[in-house]
């Protein structure tokens, strides 16, 4: 589970709500005034900002991409789906099998793979394809996959950019209604300016909340998952190409560990397994 996303979202909402409740008490001191939170709710503002933002997103992207939204949240919350160290261990094991029994012996291992990309890579070298062709196919797969992921993140970028715009639209609508209904000839008309202005400005608040607390973090998290997946795929590509060329398993581990940060190299289980397995 993506705890950083959940914690950040919950804390930001809590801080904002508490901040909204701060006000000046009857004694002139700053205090929490829970009833004050109702000042920040306006049904028409919610309708304009959320409704228009969602409608424009629907109008901007094809149905196939909109249907994938539930998958986006599943990907966003799963931070342990891609484990580079585990991939390295699998590749070292494949290298050991290949050195002992040849590349054809990897076919069974390939059929056991749950990852379609990993399985395809194994089968490409089992079928004795040329190294350049294998690398070209695998790198093209990575590029196209990253392009699709960027398109998914771009949908939330779109929401992040248009939500504040519709917040301003809602503010303009509120101001126009306020000015149209304002009657300066009476004290009652002048007294309505403050509440009406506050209502008009609430839509800008809603637009900022949608952009920077909802859409923005989702786009960033999806790009982070894409980087993790791309790293694992690049490790697979380099490992498979090395296996095809007959690389020593111990050397292969050291080579693939260069994709990891120094902290991961020092603390990862991969290094320990490598010493025992060679």
C-alpha atoms as a PDB file:
ATOM      1  CA  UNK A   1       0.000   0.000   0.000  1.00  0.00           C
ATOM      2  CA  UNK A   2       1.201   3.499  -0.852  1.00  0.00           C
ATOM      3  CA  UNK A   3       1.427   4.934   2.669  1.00  0.00           C
ATOM      4  CA  UNK A   4       3.165   8.173   1.654  1.00  0.00           C
ATOM      5  CA  UNK A   5       0.303   9.072  -0.689  1.00  0.00           C
ATOM      6  CA  UNK A   6      -2.362   8.268   1.906  1.00  0.00           C
ATOM      7  CA  UNK A   7      -0.538  10.061   4.739  1.00  0.00           C
ATOM      8  CA  UNK A   8       0.179  13.128   2.625  1.00  0.00           C
ATOM      9  CA  UNK A   9      -3.408  13.388   1.400  1.00  0.00           C
ATOM     10  CA  UNK A  10      -4.955  12.875   4.853  1.00  0.00           C
ATOM     11  CA  UNK A  11      -2.574  15.303   6.571  1.00  0.00           C
ATOM     12  CA  UNK A  12      -3.077  18.011   3.941  1.00  0.00           C
ATOM     13  CA  UNK A  13      -6.866  17.717   4.236  1.00  0.00           C
ATOM     14  CA  UNK A  14      -6.696  17.744   8.042  1.00  0.00           C
ATOM     15  CA  UNK A  15      -4.428  20.803   8.130  1.00  0.00           C
ATOM     16  CA  UNK A  16      -6.677  22.644   5.679  1.00  0.00           C
ATOM     17  CA  UNK A  17      -9.835  21.842   7.653  1.00  0.00           C
ATOM     18  CA  UNK A  18      -8.270  22.906  10.949  1.00  0.00           C
ATOM     19  CA  UNK A  19      -7.028  26.095   9.317  1.00  0.00           C
ATOM     20  CA  UNK A  20     -10.536  26.837   8.060  1.00  0.00           C
ATOM     21  CA  UNK A  21     -11.877  26.569  11.619  1.00  0.00           C
ATOM     22  CA  UNK A  22      -9.450  29.113  13.082  1.00  0.00           C
ATOM     23  CA  UNK A  23     -11.137  32.421  13.888  1.00  0.00           C
ATOM     24  CA  UNK A  24     -11.357  35.230  16.401  1.00  0.00           C
ATOM     25  CA  UNK A  25     -13.411  34.402  19.479  1.00  0.00           C
ATOM     26  CA  UNK A  26     -15.563  36.723  21.553  1.00  0.00           C
ATOM     27  CA  UNK A  27     -12.523  37.503  23.728  1.00  0.00           C
ATOM     28  CA  UNK A  28     -10.573  38.721  20.714  1.00  0.00           C
ATOM     29  CA  UNK A  29      -8.177  35.757  20.688  1.00  0.00           C
ATOM     30  CA  UNK A  30      -7.585  33.200  17.934  1.00  0.00           C
ATOM     31  CA  UNK A  31      -9.423  29.965  18.632  1.00  0.00           C
ATOM     32  CA  UNK A  32     -11.015  27.009  16.868  1.00  0.00           C
ATOM     33  CA  UNK A  33     -14.566  27.673  15.729  1.00  0.00           C
ATOM     34  CA  UNK A  34     -15.949  24.392  14.283  1.00  0.00           C
ATOM     35  CA  UNK A  35     -19.210  25.965  13.027  1.00  0.00           C
ATOM     36  CA  UNK A  36     -17.090  28.217  10.825  1.00  0.00           C
ATOM     37  CA  UNK A  37     -16.321  25.275   8.511  1.00  0.00           C
ATOM     38  CA  UNK A  38     -19.773  25.657   6.931  1.00  0.00           C
ATOM     39  CA  UNK A  39     -18.585  28.951   5.433  1.00  0.00           C
ATOM     40  CA  UNK A  40     -16.413  26.964   3.038  1.00  0.00           C
ATOM     41  CA  UNK A  41     -19.186  24.884   1.503  1.00  0.00           C
ATOM     42  CA  UNK A  42     -21.208  26.085  -1.458  1.00  0.00           C
ATOM     43  CA  UNK A  43     -23.257  23.693  -3.596  1.00  0.00           C
ATOM     44  CA  UNK A  44     -23.132  25.783  -6.778  1.00  0.00           C
ATOM     45  CA  UNK A  45     -19.338  26.087  -6.523  1.00  0.00           C
ATOM     46  CA  UNK A  46     -18.961  22.320  -6.151  1.00  0.00           C
ATOM     47  CA  UNK A  47     -21.242  21.787  -9.129  1.00  0.00           C
ATOM     48  CA  UNK A  48     -19.346  24.209 -11.386  1.00  0.00           C
ATOM     49  CA  UNK A  49     -15.772  23.197 -10.527  1.00  0.00           C
ATOM     50  CA  UNK A  50     -16.082  19.428 -10.182  1.00  0.00           C
ATOM     51  CA  UNK A  51     -18.754  19.019 -12.843  1.00  0.00           C
ATOM     52  CA  UNK A  52     -16.989  21.080 -15.509  1.00  0.00           C
ATOM     53  CA  UNK A  53     -13.553  19.609 -14.747  1.00  0.00           C
ATOM     54  CA  UNK A  54     -14.801  16.033 -15.054  1.00  0.00           C
ATOM     55  CA  UNK A  55     -16.759  16.883 -18.201  1.00  0.00           C
ATOM     56  CA  UNK A  56     -13.709  18.403 -19.923  1.00  0.00           C
ATOM     57  CA  UNK A  57     -11.551  15.400 -19.004  1.00  0.00           C
ATOM     58  CA  UNK A  58     -14.184  13.119 -20.536  1.00  0.00           C
ATOM     59  CA  UNK A  59     -14.251  15.294 -23.645  1.00  0.00           C
ATOM     60  CA  UNK A  60     -10.439  15.300 -23.941  1.00  0.00           C
ATOM     61  CA  UNK A  61      -9.661  11.576 -23.781  1.00  0.00           C
ATOM     62  CA  UNK A  62     -10.915   8.407 -25.521  1.00  0.00           C
ATOM     63  CA  UNK A  63     -13.191   5.934 -23.704  1.00  0.00           C
ATOM     64  CA  UNK A  64     -10.432   3.310 -23.569  1.00  0.00           C
ATOM     65  CA  UNK A  65      -8.292   5.625 -21.457  1.00  0.00           C
ATOM     66  CA  UNK A  66     -11.158   6.703 -19.225  1.00  0.00           C
ATOM     67  CA  UNK A  67     -12.065   3.063 -18.530  1.00  0.00           C
ATOM     68  CA  UNK A  68      -8.533   2.497 -17.238  1.00  0.00           C
ATOM     69  CA  UNK A  69      -8.952   4.960 -14.340  1.00  0.00           C
ATOM     70  CA  UNK A  70      -9.633   2.175 -11.765  1.00  0.00           C
ATOM     71  CA  UNK A  71      -6.403   0.479 -12.931  1.00  0.00           C
ATOM     72  CA  UNK A  72      -4.535   3.749 -12.420  1.00  0.00           C
ATOM     73  CA  UNK A  73      -5.526   3.836  -8.759  1.00  0.00           C
ATOM     74  CA  UNK A  74      -4.610   0.178  -8.334  1.00  0.00           C
ATOM     75  CA  UNK A  75      -1.173   0.885  -9.824  1.00  0.00           C
ATOM     76  CA  UNK A  76      -0.806   4.023  -7.716  1.00  0.00           C
ATOM     77  CA  UNK A  77      -1.443   2.173  -4.453  1.00  0.00           C
ATOM     78  CA  UNK A  78       0.797  -0.822  -5.241  1.00  0.00           C
ATOM     79  CA  UNK A  79       4.354   0.285  -4.409  1.00  0.00           C
ATOM     80  CA  UNK A  80       5.789  -3.252  -4.211  1.00  0.00           C
ATOM     81  CA  UNK A  81       4.856  -4.456  -7.671  1.00  0.00           C
ATOM     82  CA  UNK A  82       8.311  -3.825  -9.125  1.00  0.00           C
ATOM     83  CA  UNK A  83      11.299  -5.233  -7.255  1.00  0.00           C
ATOM     84  CA  UNK A  84      14.608  -4.791  -9.135  1.00  0.00           C
ATOM     85  CA  UNK A  85      16.561  -6.976  -6.724  1.00  0.00           C
ATOM     86  CA  UNK A  86      14.136  -9.852  -7.225  1.00  0.00           C
ATOM     87  CA  UNK A  87      14.467  -9.448 -11.004  1.00  0.00           C
ATOM     88  CA  UNK A  88      18.253  -9.592 -10.713  1.00  0.00           C
ATOM     89  CA  UNK A  89      18.038 -12.805  -8.675  1.00  0.00           C
ATOM     90  CA  UNK A  90      15.809 -14.382 -11.344  1.00  0.00           C
ATOM     91  CA  UNK A  91      18.169 -13.362 -14.132  1.00  0.00           C
ATOM     92  CA  UNK A  92      21.188 -14.794 -12.281  1.00  0.00           C
ATOM     93  CA  UNK A  93      19.273 -18.051 -11.827  1.00  0.00           C
ATOM     94  CA  UNK A  94      18.504 -18.103 -15.562  1.00  0.00           C
ATOM     95  CA  UNK A  95      22.169 -17.475 -16.331  1.00  0.00           C
ATOM     96  CA  UNK A  96      23.166 -20.474 -14.206  1.00  0.00           C
ATOM     97  CA  UNK A  97      20.641 -22.687 -16.005  1.00  0.00           C
ATOM     98  CA  UNK A  98      21.798 -21.455 -19.419  1.00  0.00           C
ATOM     99  CA  UNK A  99      25.486 -22.143 -18.644  1.00  0.00           C
ATOM    100  CA  UNK A 100      24.732 -25.653 -17.462  1.00  0.00           C
ATOM    101  CA  UNK A 101      22.076 -26.763 -19.961  1.00  0.00           C
ATOM    102  CA  UNK A 102      22.029 -24.217 -22.792  1.00  0.00           C
ATOM    103  CA  UNK A 103      19.528 -21.572 -23.855  1.00  0.00           C
ATOM    104  CA  UNK A 104      16.875 -24.121 -24.818  1.00  0.00           C
ATOM    105  CA  UNK A 105      16.611 -25.122 -21.171  1.00  0.00           C
ATOM    106  CA  UNK A 106      15.207 -21.643 -20.421  1.00  0.00           C
ATOM    107  CA  UNK A 107      11.958 -22.399 -22.254  1.00  0.00           C
ATOM    108  CA  UNK A 108      10.427 -24.051 -19.208  1.00  0.00           C
ATOM    109  CA  UNK A 109      11.467 -21.088 -17.020  1.00  0.00           C
ATOM    110  CA  UNK A 110       9.943 -18.727 -19.548  1.00  0.00           C
ATOM    111  CA  UNK A 111       6.593 -20.518 -19.511  1.00  0.00           C
ATOM    112  CA  UNK A 112       6.524 -20.187 -15.724  1.00  0.00           C
ATOM    113  CA  UNK A 113       6.931 -16.404 -15.882  1.00  0.00           C
ATOM    114  CA  UNK A 114       3.897 -14.335 -14.885  1.00  0.00           C
ATOM    115  CA  UNK A 115       5.389 -11.136 -16.312  1.00  0.00           C
ATOM    116  CA  UNK A 116       4.569 -11.027 -20.073  1.00  0.00           C
ATOM    117  CA  UNK A 117       7.594  -8.828 -20.852  1.00  0.00           C
ATOM    118  CA  UNK A 118      10.027 -11.115 -19.015  1.00  0.00           C
ATOM    119  CA  UNK A 119       8.501 -14.170 -20.691  1.00  0.00           C
ATOM    120  CA  UNK A 120       8.759 -12.610 -24.145  1.00  0.00           C
ATOM    121  CA  UNK A 121      12.412 -11.735 -23.592  1.00  0.00           C
ATOM    122  CA  UNK A 122      13.265 -15.280 -22.547  1.00  0.00           C
ATOM    123  CA  UNK A 123      11.437 -16.796 -25.511  1.00  0.00           C
ATOM    124  CA  UNK A 124      13.207 -14.476 -27.946  1.00  0.00           C
ATOM    125  CA  UNK A 125      16.620 -15.844 -26.999  1.00  0.00           C
ATOM    126  CA  UNK A 126      15.322 -19.411 -26.743  1.00  0.00           C
ATOM    127  CA  UNK A 127      14.234 -19.093 -30.379  1.00  0.00           C
ATOM    128  CA  UNK A 128      17.817 -18.168 -31.255  1.00  0.00           C
ATOM    129  CA  UNK A 129      17.049 -14.696 -32.637  1.00  0.00           C
ATOM    130  CA  UNK A 130      19.912 -12.327 -33.337  1.00  0.00           C
ATOM    131  CA  UNK A 131      21.001 -10.150 -30.433  1.00  0.00           C
ATOM    132  CA  UNK A 132      20.367  -6.864 -32.243  1.00  0.00           C
ATOM    133  CA  UNK A 133      16.849  -7.897 -33.179  1.00  0.00           C
ATOM    134  CA  UNK A 134      16.068  -9.049 -29.635  1.00  0.00           C
ATOM    135  CA  UNK A 135      17.287  -5.746 -28.153  1.00  0.00           C
ATOM    136  CA  UNK A 136      15.347  -3.738 -30.729  1.00  0.00           C
ATOM    137  CA  UNK A 137      12.088  -5.532 -29.935  1.00  0.00           C
ATOM    138  CA  UNK A 138      12.522  -5.198 -26.183  1.00  0.00           C
ATOM    139  CA  UNK A 139      13.526  -1.512 -26.255  1.00  0.00           C
ATOM    140  CA  UNK A 140      10.587  -0.693 -28.516  1.00  0.00           C
ATOM    141  CA  UNK A 141       8.279  -2.417 -26.027  1.00  0.00           C
ATOM    142  CA  UNK A 142       9.700  -0.258 -23.217  1.00  0.00           C
ATOM    143  CA  UNK A 143       9.295   2.948 -25.213  1.00  0.00           C
ATOM    144  CA  UNK A 144       5.697   2.208 -26.147  1.00  0.00           C
ATOM    145  CA  UNK A 145       4.822   1.199 -22.593  1.00  0.00           C
ATOM    146  CA  UNK A 146       6.287   4.440 -21.211  1.00  0.00           C
ATOM    147  CA  UNK A 147       4.351   6.429 -23.818  1.00  0.00           C
ATOM    148  CA  UNK A 148       1.093   4.826 -22.682  1.00  0.00           C
ATOM    149  CA  UNK A 149       1.918   5.521 -19.044  1.00  0.00           C
ATOM    150  CA  UNK A 150       2.746   9.145 -19.843  1.00  0.00           C
ATOM    151  CA  UNK A 151      -0.604   9.481 -21.589  1.00  0.00           C
ATOM    152  CA  UNK A 152      -2.334   8.193 -18.451  1.00  0.00           C
ATOM    153  CA  UNK A 153      -0.458  10.664 -16.234  1.00  0.00           C
ATOM    154  CA  UNK A 154      -1.251  13.392 -18.757  1.00  0.00           C
ATOM    155  CA  UNK A 155      -4.948  12.900 -18.097  1.00  0.00           C
ATOM    156  CA  UNK A 156      -4.445  13.958 -14.480  1.00  0.00           C
ATOM    157  CA  UNK A 157      -2.165  16.791 -15.580  1.00  0.00           C
ATOM    158  CA  UNK A 158      -5.084  17.985 -17.698  1.00  0.00           C
ATOM    159  CA  UNK A 159      -7.347  17.899 -14.657  1.00  0.00           C
ATOM    160  CA  UNK A 160      -4.721  19.758 -12.627  1.00  0.00           C
ATOM    161  CA  UNK A 161      -4.540  22.523 -15.218  1.00  0.00           C
ATOM    162  CA  UNK A 162      -8.257  23.027 -15.869  1.00  0.00           C
ATOM    163  CA  UNK A 163      -9.581  22.773 -12.279  1.00  0.00           C
ATOM    164  CA  UNK A 164      -8.161  26.187 -11.237  1.00  0.00           C
ATOM    165  CA  UNK A 165      -9.478  27.662 -14.523  1.00  0.00           C
ATOM    166  CA  UNK A 166     -13.004  26.543 -13.716  1.00  0.00           C
ATOM    167  CA  UNK A 167     -12.464  27.817 -10.181  1.00  0.00           C
ATOM    168  CA  UNK A 168     -11.974  31.247 -11.711  1.00  0.00           C
ATOM    169  CA  UNK A 169     -15.007  30.715 -13.949  1.00  0.00           C
ATOM    170  CA  UNK A 170     -17.091  29.958 -10.864  1.00  0.00           C
ATOM    171  CA  UNK A 171     -15.732  33.081  -9.200  1.00  0.00           C
ATOM    172  CA  UNK A 172     -16.739  35.187 -12.196  1.00  0.00           C
ATOM    173  CA  UNK A 173     -20.204  33.646 -12.187  1.00  0.00           C
ATOM    174  CA  UNK A 174     -20.566  34.467  -8.505  1.00  0.00           C
ATOM    175  CA  UNK A 175     -19.354  38.038  -8.954  1.00  0.00           C
ATOM    176  CA  UNK A 176     -21.696  38.601 -11.872  1.00  0.00           C
ATOM    177  CA  UNK A 177     -24.671  37.342  -9.859  1.00  0.00           C
ATOM    178  CA  UNK A 178     -23.578  39.478  -6.919  1.00  0.00           C
ATOM    179  CA  UNK A 179     -23.347  42.654  -8.999  1.00  0.00           C
ATOM    180  CA  UNK A 180     -26.621  41.947 -10.782  1.00  0.00           C
ATOM    181  CA  UNK A 181     -28.474  41.549  -7.508  1.00  0.00           C
ATOM    182  CA  UNK A 182     -26.747  44.364  -5.638  1.00  0.00           C
ATOM    183  CA  UNK A 183     -28.872  47.393  -4.759  1.00  0.00           C
ATOM    184  CA  UNK A 184     -26.799  50.238  -3.315  1.00  0.00           C
ATOM    185  CA  UNK A 185     -29.916  52.322  -2.624  1.00  0.00           C
ATOM    186  CA  UNK A 186     -30.667  50.228   0.442  1.00  0.00           C
ATOM    187  CA  UNK A 187     -28.541  49.232   3.425  1.00  0.00           C
ATOM    188  CA  UNK A 188     -29.615  45.631   2.916  1.00  0.00           C
ATOM    189  CA  UNK A 189     -28.145  45.525  -0.587  1.00  0.00           C
ATOM    190  CA  UNK A 190     -24.765  46.864   0.574  1.00  0.00           C
ATOM    191  CA  UNK A 191     -24.690  44.397   3.471  1.00  0.00           C
ATOM    192  CA  UNK A 192     -24.924  41.435   1.090  1.00  0.00           C
ATOM    193  CA  UNK A 193     -21.635  42.294  -0.635  1.00  0.00           C
ATOM    194  CA  UNK A 194     -19.413  40.496   1.896  1.00  0.00           C
ATOM    195  CA  UNK A 195     -21.240  37.140   1.982  1.00  0.00           C
ATOM    196  CA  UNK A 196     -21.750  37.185  -1.785  1.00  0.00           C
ATOM    197  CA  UNK A 197     -18.047  37.898  -2.386  1.00  0.00           C
ATOM    198  CA  UNK A 198     -17.086  35.037  -0.069  1.00  0.00           C
ATOM    199  CA  UNK A 199     -19.321  32.635  -1.973  1.00  0.00           C
ATOM    200  CA  UNK A 200     -17.800  33.758  -5.278  1.00  0.00           C
ATOM    201  CA  UNK A 201     -14.248  33.124  -4.053  1.00  0.00           C
ATOM    202  CA  UNK A 202     -14.992  29.617  -2.761  1.00  0.00           C
ATOM    203  CA  UNK A 203     -14.894  28.227  -6.308  1.00  0.00           C
ATOM    204  CA  UNK A 204     -11.246  29.296  -6.638  1.00  0.00           C
ATOM    205  CA  UNK A 205     -10.516  27.376  -3.445  1.00  0.00           C
ATOM    206  CA  UNK A 206     -12.166  24.247  -4.825  1.00  0.00           C
ATOM    207  CA  UNK A 207     -10.164  24.527  -8.053  1.00  0.00           C
ATOM    208  CA  UNK A 208      -6.876  24.724  -6.131  1.00  0.00           C
ATOM    209  CA  UNK A 209      -7.837  21.746  -3.966  1.00  0.00           C
ATOM    210  CA  UNK A 210      -8.629  19.600  -7.000  1.00  0.00           C
ATOM    211  CA  UNK A 211      -5.461  20.625  -8.834  1.00  0.00           C
ATOM    212  CA  UNK A 212      -2.868  20.419  -6.084  1.00  0.00           C
ATOM    213  CA  UNK A 213      -4.304  17.893  -3.623  1.00  0.00           C
ATOM    214  CA  UNK A 214      -6.004  15.424  -5.970  1.00  0.00           C
ATOM    215  CA  UNK A 215      -4.856  15.476  -9.601  1.00  0.00           C
ATOM    216  CA  UNK A 216      -1.238  16.611  -9.121  1.00  0.00           C
ATOM    217  CA  UNK A 217      -0.167  13.867  -6.666  1.00  0.00           C
ATOM    218  CA  UNK A 218      -1.876  11.174  -8.750  1.00  0.00           C
ATOM    219  CA  UNK A 219       0.051  12.211 -11.876  1.00  0.00           C
ATOM    220  CA  UNK A 220       3.349  12.238  -9.949  1.00  0.00           C
ATOM    221  CA  UNK A 221       2.683   8.825  -8.403  1.00  0.00           C
ATOM    222  CA  UNK A 222       1.835   7.279 -11.780  1.00  0.00           C
ATOM    223  CA  UNK A 223       5.097   8.603 -13.235  1.00  0.00           C
ATOM    224  CA  UNK A 224       6.957   7.123 -10.270  1.00  0.00           C
ATOM    225  CA  UNK A 225       5.421   3.689 -10.955  1.00  0.00           C
ATOM    226  CA  UNK A 226       6.425   4.070 -14.616  1.00  0.00           C
ATOM    227  CA  UNK A 227      10.035   4.790 -13.628  1.00  0.00           C
ATOM    228  CA  UNK A 228      10.073   1.704 -11.408  1.00  0.00           C
ATOM    229  CA  UNK A 229       8.661  -0.492 -14.184  1.00  0.00           C
ATOM    230  CA  UNK A 230      11.082   0.932 -16.757  1.00  0.00           C
ATOM    231  CA  UNK A 231      14.034   0.254 -14.455  1.00  0.00           C
ATOM    232  CA  UNK A 232      13.005  -3.387 -14.037  1.00  0.00           C
ATOM    233  CA  UNK A 233      12.535  -3.783 -17.792  1.00  0.00           C
ATOM    234  CA  UNK A 234      15.941  -2.262 -18.549  1.00  0.00           C
ATOM    235  CA  UNK A 235      17.502  -4.686 -16.086  1.00  0.00           C
ATOM    236  CA  UNK A 236      15.698  -7.549 -17.825  1.00  0.00           C
ATOM    237  CA  UNK A 237      16.928  -6.400 -21.229  1.00  0.00           C
ATOM    238  CA  UNK A 238      20.531  -6.121 -20.102  1.00  0.00           C
ATOM    239  CA  UNK A 239      20.336  -9.418 -18.247  1.00  0.00           C
ATOM    240  CA  UNK A 240      18.766 -11.335 -21.131  1.00  0.00           C
ATOM    241  CA  UNK A 241      21.303  -9.975 -23.615  1.00  0.00           C
ATOM    242  CA  UNK A 242      24.140 -10.976 -21.289  1.00  0.00           C
ATOM    243  CA  UNK A 243      22.683 -14.469 -20.850  1.00  0.00           C
ATOM    244  CA  UNK A 244      22.446 -14.843 -24.624  1.00  0.00           C
ATOM    245  CA  UNK A 245      26.127 -13.925 -24.932  1.00  0.00           C
ATOM    246  CA  UNK A 246      27.065 -16.499 -22.269  1.00  0.00           C
ATOM    247  CA  UNK A 247      27.926 -14.157 -19.373  1.00  0.00           C
ATOM    248  CA  UNK A 248      29.157 -15.616 -16.091  1.00  0.00           C
ATOM    249  CA  UNK A 249      26.345 -15.514 -13.460  1.00  0.00           C
ATOM    250  CA  UNK A 250      28.576 -13.832 -10.878  1.00  0.00           C
ATOM    251  CA  UNK A 251      29.679 -11.186 -13.362  1.00  0.00           C
ATOM    252  CA  UNK A 252      26.063 -10.756 -14.464  1.00  0.00           C
ATOM    253  CA  UNK A 253      24.965  -9.980 -10.907  1.00  0.00           C
ATOM    254  CA  UNK A 254      27.678  -7.373 -10.500  1.00  0.00           C
ATOM    255  CA  UNK A 255      26.764  -5.839 -13.843  1.00  0.00           C
ATOM    256  CA  UNK A 256      23.047  -5.625 -13.078  1.00  0.00           C
ATOM    257  CA  UNK A 257      23.623  -4.240  -9.586  1.00  0.00           C
ATOM    258  CA  UNK A 258      25.016  -1.105 -11.219  1.00  0.00           C
ATOM    259  CA  UNK A 259      21.393  -0.186 -11.966  1.00  0.00           C
ATOM    260  CA  UNK A 260      20.814   0.060  -8.207  1.00  0.00           C
ATOM    261  CA  UNK A 261      21.711   2.895  -5.851  1.00  0.00           C
ATOM    262  CA  UNK A 262      24.651   2.369  -3.513  1.00  0.00           C
ATOM    263  CA  UNK A 263      22.288   1.931  -0.572  1.00  0.00           C
ATOM    264  CA  UNK A 264      20.411  -0.815  -2.414  1.00  0.00           C
ATOM    265  CA  UNK A 265      23.686  -2.515  -3.348  1.00  0.00           C
ATOM    266  CA  UNK A 266      24.896  -2.502   0.249  1.00  0.00           C
ATOM    267  CA  UNK A 267      21.603  -3.491   1.855  1.00  0.00           C
ATOM    268  CA  UNK A 268      19.958  -5.642  -0.818  1.00  0.00           C
ATOM    269  CA  UNK A 269      19.584  -9.391  -0.459  1.00  0.00           C
ATOM    270  CA  UNK A 270      20.823  -9.821  -4.006  1.00  0.00           C
ATOM    271  CA  UNK A 271      24.446  -9.409  -3.039  1.00  0.00           C
ATOM    272  CA  UNK A 272      24.188 -11.994  -0.265  1.00  0.00           C
ATOM    273  CA  UNK A 273      22.476 -14.521  -2.506  1.00  0.00           C
ATOM    274  CA  UNK A 274      25.096 -13.968  -5.132  1.00  0.00           C
ATOM    275  CA  UNK A 275      27.927 -14.925  -2.781  1.00  0.00           C
ATOM    276  CA  UNK A 276      26.171 -18.107  -1.773  1.00  0.00           C
ATOM    277  CA  UNK A 277      25.076 -19.106  -5.247  1.00  0.00           C
ATOM    278  CA  UNK A 278      28.388 -18.748  -7.094  1.00  0.00           C
END
